[in-house]
């Protein structure tokens, strides 16, 4: 399988296709459509991922069909959770957003590869750690993030079954994850 991973650029057609992919994935995984307070970063990909220097968004394409098959965003921590005010800052903490892999391409290491690209970007950008939140209702999500080296910092036990996690990346060497497919990374 040939996979090409590209940095998202300010291209109207590509932005449209990425938004469509993301909202299709959200509908499939969570069963709902656009929610303004949760999806501003998707509507404003440029503002949240393209324009800020320490933010980025990566898109994986099938090398044969040029179809979008996976995404991941990484940006400086910008949440305002009271419980994390003293723990995370925009200067030292990055956060993972919108890791989605099309169902046809799962279980081949693509999610791990996408995270590896984002983690490497965060490390090169000088961040000390990575924050994310996931939901226990997503099959395999909590286990995946633990496998990637994240630890649970807070199980919110809320209606959405939210779990907050982080990973220290300060001063680590990142080696590419070996996988059974070829890939190219374009910036």
C-alpha atoms as a PDB file:
ATOM      1  CA  UNK A   1       0.000   0.000   0.000  1.00  0.00           C
ATOM      2  CA  UNK A   2       1.394   3.391  -0.988  1.00  0.00           C
ATOM      3  CA  UNK A   3       0.580   6.180   1.450  1.00  0.00           C
ATOM      4  CA  UNK A   4       1.537   9.829   1.009  1.00  0.00           C
ATOM      5  CA  UNK A   5       1.418  12.089   4.070  1.00  0.00           C
ATOM      6  CA  UNK A   6       1.262  15.807   3.346  1.00  0.00           C
ATOM      7  CA  UNK A   7       1.151  18.963   5.394  1.00  0.00           C
ATOM      8  CA  UNK A   8      -2.180  20.717   4.890  1.00  0.00           C
ATOM      9  CA  UNK A   9      -1.812  23.799   2.696  1.00  0.00           C
ATOM     10  CA  UNK A  10      -4.118  26.753   2.075  1.00  0.00           C
ATOM     11  CA  UNK A  11      -5.741  25.277  -1.038  1.00  0.00           C
ATOM     12  CA  UNK A  12      -9.521  25.740  -1.331  1.00  0.00           C
ATOM     13  CA  UNK A  13     -10.227  22.331  -2.909  1.00  0.00           C
ATOM     14  CA  UNK A  14      -8.028  20.464  -0.441  1.00  0.00           C
ATOM     15  CA  UNK A  15      -9.514  22.329   2.540  1.00  0.00           C
ATOM     16  CA  UNK A  16     -13.014  21.452   1.318  1.00  0.00           C
ATOM     17  CA  UNK A  17     -12.078  17.772   0.918  1.00  0.00           C
ATOM     18  CA  UNK A  18     -10.411  17.623   4.351  1.00  0.00           C
ATOM     19  CA  UNK A  19     -13.476  19.184   6.003  1.00  0.00           C
ATOM     20  CA  UNK A  20     -15.735  16.715   4.223  1.00  0.00           C
ATOM     21  CA  UNK A  21     -13.534  13.786   5.306  1.00  0.00           C
ATOM     22  CA  UNK A  22     -13.510  14.996   8.926  1.00  0.00           C
ATOM     23  CA  UNK A  23     -17.266  15.522   9.136  1.00  0.00           C
ATOM     24  CA  UNK A  24     -17.878  12.131   7.465  1.00  0.00           C
ATOM     25  CA  UNK A  25     -15.620  10.499  10.060  1.00  0.00           C
ATOM     26  CA  UNK A  26     -17.316  12.340  12.940  1.00  0.00           C
ATOM     27  CA  UNK A  27     -20.730  11.240  11.687  1.00  0.00           C
ATOM     28  CA  UNK A  28     -19.557   7.625  11.358  1.00  0.00           C
ATOM     29  CA  UNK A  29     -17.790   7.477  14.748  1.00  0.00           C
ATOM     30  CA  UNK A  30     -19.968   9.680  16.938  1.00  0.00           C
ATOM     31  CA  UNK A  31     -23.310   9.737  15.102  1.00  0.00           C
ATOM     32  CA  UNK A  32     -23.700  13.511  14.914  1.00  0.00           C
ATOM     33  CA  UNK A  33     -22.979  16.330  12.491  1.00  0.00           C
ATOM     34  CA  UNK A  34     -21.459  19.776  12.915  1.00  0.00           C
ATOM     35  CA  UNK A  35     -21.567  21.134  16.487  1.00  0.00           C
ATOM     36  CA  UNK A  36     -20.327  24.762  16.489  1.00  0.00           C
ATOM     37  CA  UNK A  37     -18.695  24.720  19.928  1.00  0.00           C
ATOM     38  CA  UNK A  38     -16.806  21.494  19.155  1.00  0.00           C
ATOM     39  CA  UNK A  39     -15.821  21.933  15.517  1.00  0.00           C
ATOM     40  CA  UNK A  40     -14.492  25.472  15.092  1.00  0.00           C
ATOM     41  CA  UNK A  41     -11.056  24.107  14.235  1.00  0.00           C
ATOM     42  CA  UNK A  42     -12.517  22.158  11.297  1.00  0.00           C
ATOM     43  CA  UNK A  43     -14.411  25.142   9.949  1.00  0.00           C
ATOM     44  CA  UNK A  44     -11.306  27.337  10.443  1.00  0.00           C
ATOM     45  CA  UNK A  45      -8.482  24.957   9.506  1.00  0.00           C
ATOM     46  CA  UNK A  46      -6.353  27.888   8.368  1.00  0.00           C
ATOM     47  CA  UNK A  47      -6.669  29.754  11.695  1.00  0.00           C
ATOM     48  CA  UNK A  48      -6.066  26.705  13.889  1.00  0.00           C
ATOM     49  CA  UNK A  49      -3.495  24.687  11.905  1.00  0.00           C
ATOM     50  CA  UNK A  50      -2.034  26.436   8.859  1.00  0.00           C
ATOM     51  CA  UNK A  51      -1.236  29.989   9.992  1.00  0.00           C
ATOM     52  CA  UNK A  52       0.256  29.445  13.493  1.00  0.00           C
ATOM     53  CA  UNK A  53       3.929  28.542  13.243  1.00  0.00           C
ATOM     54  CA  UNK A  54       3.867  25.854  15.951  1.00  0.00           C
ATOM     55  CA  UNK A  55       0.667  24.195  14.663  1.00  0.00           C
ATOM     56  CA  UNK A  56       0.232  21.740  11.815  1.00  0.00           C
ATOM     57  CA  UNK A  57      -2.241  19.367  10.212  1.00  0.00           C
ATOM     58  CA  UNK A  58      -1.249  16.245   8.308  1.00  0.00           C
ATOM     59  CA  UNK A  59      -3.308  14.454   5.691  1.00  0.00           C
ATOM     60  CA  UNK A  60      -2.652  10.937   4.407  1.00  0.00           C
ATOM     61  CA  UNK A  61      -3.616   9.999   0.867  1.00  0.00           C
ATOM     62  CA  UNK A  62      -3.854   6.649  -0.869  1.00  0.00           C
ATOM     63  CA  UNK A  63      -0.973   6.865  -3.346  1.00  0.00           C
ATOM     64  CA  UNK A  64      -2.956   5.157  -6.091  1.00  0.00           C
ATOM     65  CA  UNK A  65      -6.357   6.872  -5.788  1.00  0.00           C
ATOM     66  CA  UNK A  66      -5.285  10.167  -4.131  1.00  0.00           C
ATOM     67  CA  UNK A  67      -8.208   9.651  -1.721  1.00  0.00           C
ATOM     68  CA  UNK A  68      -7.891  11.153   1.779  1.00  0.00           C
ATOM     69  CA  UNK A  69      -7.570   8.221   4.155  1.00  0.00           C
ATOM     70  CA  UNK A  70      -6.318   9.716   7.438  1.00  0.00           C
ATOM     71  CA  UNK A  71      -5.757  13.000   9.269  1.00  0.00           C
ATOM     72  CA  UNK A  72      -4.153  14.348  12.411  1.00  0.00           C
ATOM     73  CA  UNK A  73      -3.784  17.862  13.764  1.00  0.00           C
ATOM     74  CA  UNK A  74      -1.326  19.183  16.307  1.00  0.00           C
ATOM     75  CA  UNK A  75      -1.432  22.615  17.866  1.00  0.00           C
ATOM     76  CA  UNK A  76      -0.309  24.551  20.898  1.00  0.00           C
ATOM     77  CA  UNK A  77      -2.516  23.763  23.883  1.00  0.00           C
ATOM     78  CA  UNK A  78      -5.408  26.220  23.823  1.00  0.00           C
ATOM     79  CA  UNK A  79      -8.050  24.750  26.125  1.00  0.00           C
ATOM     80  CA  UNK A  80      -9.259  26.484  29.258  1.00  0.00           C
ATOM     81  CA  UNK A  81      -9.952  23.551  31.546  1.00  0.00           C
ATOM     82  CA  UNK A  82      -9.772  24.855  35.135  1.00  0.00           C
ATOM     83  CA  UNK A  83      -8.184  21.637  36.365  1.00  0.00           C
ATOM     84  CA  UNK A  84      -5.207  22.047  33.979  1.00  0.00           C
ATOM     85  CA  UNK A  85      -4.461  25.790  34.315  1.00  0.00           C
ATOM     86  CA  UNK A  86      -1.261  25.160  36.257  1.00  0.00           C
ATOM     87  CA  UNK A  87      -0.289  22.012  34.329  1.00  0.00           C
ATOM     88  CA  UNK A  88      -0.315  23.019  30.630  1.00  0.00           C
ATOM     89  CA  UNK A  89       0.586  26.137  28.675  1.00  0.00           C
ATOM     90  CA  UNK A  90       0.679  27.141  25.005  1.00  0.00           C
ATOM     91  CA  UNK A  91       4.453  27.467  25.188  1.00  0.00           C
ATOM     92  CA  UNK A  92       5.269  24.002  26.498  1.00  0.00           C
ATOM     93  CA  UNK A  93       2.283  21.827  25.606  1.00  0.00           C
ATOM     94  CA  UNK A  94       0.987  20.733  22.236  1.00  0.00           C
ATOM     95  CA  UNK A  95      -2.300  18.940  21.732  1.00  0.00           C
ATOM     96  CA  UNK A  96      -3.486  16.261  19.333  1.00  0.00           C
ATOM     97  CA  UNK A  97      -6.671  16.784  17.345  1.00  0.00           C
ATOM     98  CA  UNK A  98      -8.658  14.988  14.675  1.00  0.00           C
ATOM     99  CA  UNK A  99      -6.829  11.683  14.326  1.00  0.00           C
ATOM    100  CA  UNK A 100      -9.107   9.781  11.994  1.00  0.00           C
ATOM    101  CA  UNK A 101      -8.373   6.805   9.772  1.00  0.00           C
ATOM    102  CA  UNK A 102     -10.858   5.639   7.159  1.00  0.00           C
ATOM    103  CA  UNK A 103     -12.228   2.219   8.192  1.00  0.00           C
ATOM    104  CA  UNK A 104     -10.854   0.587   5.026  1.00  0.00           C
ATOM    105  CA  UNK A 105      -7.314   1.521   6.079  1.00  0.00           C
ATOM    106  CA  UNK A 106      -7.341   0.578   9.753  1.00  0.00           C
ATOM    107  CA  UNK A 107      -5.239  -2.104  11.428  1.00  0.00           C
ATOM    108  CA  UNK A 108      -2.186  -1.555   9.224  1.00  0.00           C
ATOM    109  CA  UNK A 109      -0.240   0.901  11.408  1.00  0.00           C
ATOM    110  CA  UNK A 110      -1.457   4.088   9.723  1.00  0.00           C
ATOM    111  CA  UNK A 111      -2.741   5.712  12.939  1.00  0.00           C
ATOM    112  CA  UNK A 112       0.624   5.021  14.599  1.00  0.00           C
ATOM    113  CA  UNK A 113       2.431   6.503  11.607  1.00  0.00           C
ATOM    114  CA  UNK A 114       0.232   9.612  11.653  1.00  0.00           C
ATOM    115  CA  UNK A 115       0.885  10.077  15.366  1.00  0.00           C
ATOM    116  CA  UNK A 116       4.618   9.583  14.816  1.00  0.00           C
ATOM    117  CA  UNK A 117       4.627  12.411  12.253  1.00  0.00           C
ATOM    118  CA  UNK A 118       2.716  14.713  14.620  1.00  0.00           C
ATOM    119  CA  UNK A 119       4.892  13.785  17.611  1.00  0.00           C
ATOM    120  CA  UNK A 120       8.034  14.477  15.613  1.00  0.00           C
ATOM    121  CA  UNK A 121       6.647  17.883  14.610  1.00  0.00           C
ATOM    122  CA  UNK A 122       5.845  18.701  18.267  1.00  0.00           C
ATOM    123  CA  UNK A 123       9.313  17.641  19.359  1.00  0.00           C
ATOM    124  CA  UNK A 124      10.999  19.708  16.625  1.00  0.00           C
ATOM    125  CA  UNK A 125       8.782  22.691  17.552  1.00  0.00           C
ATOM    126  CA  UNK A 126      10.164  22.664  21.098  1.00  0.00           C
ATOM    127  CA  UNK A 127       7.118  21.416  22.983  1.00  0.00           C
ATOM    128  CA  UNK A 128       7.773  19.477  26.191  1.00  0.00           C
ATOM    129  CA  UNK A 129       4.624  17.379  26.208  1.00  0.00           C
ATOM    130  CA  UNK A 130       1.495  16.474  24.278  1.00  0.00           C
ATOM    131  CA  UNK A 131      -2.032  16.622  25.666  1.00  0.00           C
ATOM    132  CA  UNK A 132      -5.110  14.929  24.249  1.00  0.00           C
ATOM    133  CA  UNK A 133      -8.501  13.789  25.328  1.00  0.00           C
ATOM    134  CA  UNK A 134     -10.363  10.771  24.080  1.00  0.00           C
ATOM    135  CA  UNK A 135     -13.510   8.905  24.984  1.00  0.00           C
ATOM    136  CA  UNK A 136     -13.891   5.436  26.462  1.00  0.00           C
ATOM    137  CA  UNK A 137     -16.832   4.930  24.092  1.00  0.00           C
ATOM    138  CA  UNK A 138     -14.492   4.838  21.079  1.00  0.00           C
ATOM    139  CA  UNK A 139     -13.455   1.223  20.533  1.00  0.00           C
ATOM    140  CA  UNK A 140      -9.719   0.826  21.014  1.00  0.00           C
ATOM    141  CA  UNK A 141      -8.965   4.550  21.458  1.00  0.00           C
ATOM    142  CA  UNK A 142      -7.784   4.456  25.073  1.00  0.00           C
ATOM    143  CA  UNK A 143      -5.641   1.381  24.413  1.00  0.00           C
ATOM    144  CA  UNK A 144      -4.158   2.960  21.278  1.00  0.00           C
ATOM    145  CA  UNK A 145      -3.090   6.132  23.082  1.00  0.00           C
ATOM    146  CA  UNK A 146      -1.604   4.129  25.965  1.00  0.00           C
ATOM    147  CA  UNK A 147       0.346   2.117  23.394  1.00  0.00           C
ATOM    148  CA  UNK A 148       1.656   5.430  22.010  1.00  0.00           C
ATOM    149  CA  UNK A 149       3.040   6.258  25.474  1.00  0.00           C
ATOM    150  CA  UNK A 150       0.285   8.449  26.899  1.00  0.00           C
ATOM    151  CA  UNK A 151      -0.797   8.247  30.503  1.00  0.00           C
ATOM    152  CA  UNK A 152      -4.201   9.064  31.933  1.00  0.00           C
ATOM    153  CA  UNK A 153      -4.105  12.289  33.949  1.00  0.00           C
ATOM    154  CA  UNK A 154      -7.853  12.546  34.539  1.00  0.00           C
ATOM    155  CA  UNK A 155     -10.808  10.258  33.911  1.00  0.00           C
ATOM    156  CA  UNK A 156     -13.646  12.783  33.920  1.00  0.00           C
ATOM    157  CA  UNK A 157     -16.360  10.145  34.413  1.00  0.00           C
ATOM    158  CA  UNK A 158     -18.672  12.474  32.505  1.00  0.00           C
ATOM    159  CA  UNK A 159     -21.526  11.804  30.103  1.00  0.00           C
ATOM    160  CA  UNK A 160     -19.105  11.605  27.136  1.00  0.00           C
ATOM    161  CA  UNK A 161     -16.743   9.296  29.092  1.00  0.00           C
ATOM    162  CA  UNK A 162     -13.862  11.701  28.491  1.00  0.00           C
ATOM    163  CA  UNK A 163     -10.335  10.711  29.447  1.00  0.00           C
ATOM    164  CA  UNK A 164      -7.570  13.349  29.528  1.00  0.00           C
ATOM    165  CA  UNK A 165      -4.069  12.092  28.754  1.00  0.00           C
ATOM    166  CA  UNK A 166      -0.578  13.409  28.209  1.00  0.00           C
ATOM    167  CA  UNK A 167       2.881  12.347  27.162  1.00  0.00           C
ATOM    168  CA  UNK A 168       6.244  13.899  28.015  1.00  0.00           C
ATOM    169  CA  UNK A 169       8.306  14.322  24.844  1.00  0.00           C
ATOM    170  CA  UNK A 170      11.038  16.602  26.169  1.00  0.00           C
ATOM    171  CA  UNK A 171      14.473  15.482  25.042  1.00  0.00           C
ATOM    172  CA  UNK A 172      13.405  12.246  23.404  1.00  0.00           C
ATOM    173  CA  UNK A 173      14.763  10.809  20.208  1.00  0.00           C
ATOM    174  CA  UNK A 174      11.984   9.813  17.839  1.00  0.00           C
ATOM    175  CA  UNK A 175      12.635   6.933  15.484  1.00  0.00           C
ATOM    176  CA  UNK A 176      10.219   6.270  12.635  1.00  0.00           C
ATOM    177  CA  UNK A 177       7.777   3.476  13.360  1.00  0.00           C
ATOM    178  CA  UNK A 178       8.374   0.531  11.078  1.00  0.00           C
ATOM    179  CA  UNK A 179       5.330  -0.611   9.176  1.00  0.00           C
ATOM    180  CA  UNK A 180       4.327  -2.848   6.331  1.00  0.00           C
ATOM    181  CA  UNK A 181       3.528  -0.094   3.839  1.00  0.00           C
ATOM    182  CA  UNK A 182       5.519   2.443   1.907  1.00  0.00           C
ATOM    183  CA  UNK A 183       4.914   6.105   2.592  1.00  0.00           C
ATOM    184  CA  UNK A 184       6.167   9.480   1.555  1.00  0.00           C
ATOM    185  CA  UNK A 185       6.092  12.616   3.642  1.00  0.00           C
ATOM    186  CA  UNK A 186       5.653  15.933   1.835  1.00  0.00           C
ATOM    187  CA  UNK A 187       5.866  19.402   3.361  1.00  0.00           C
END
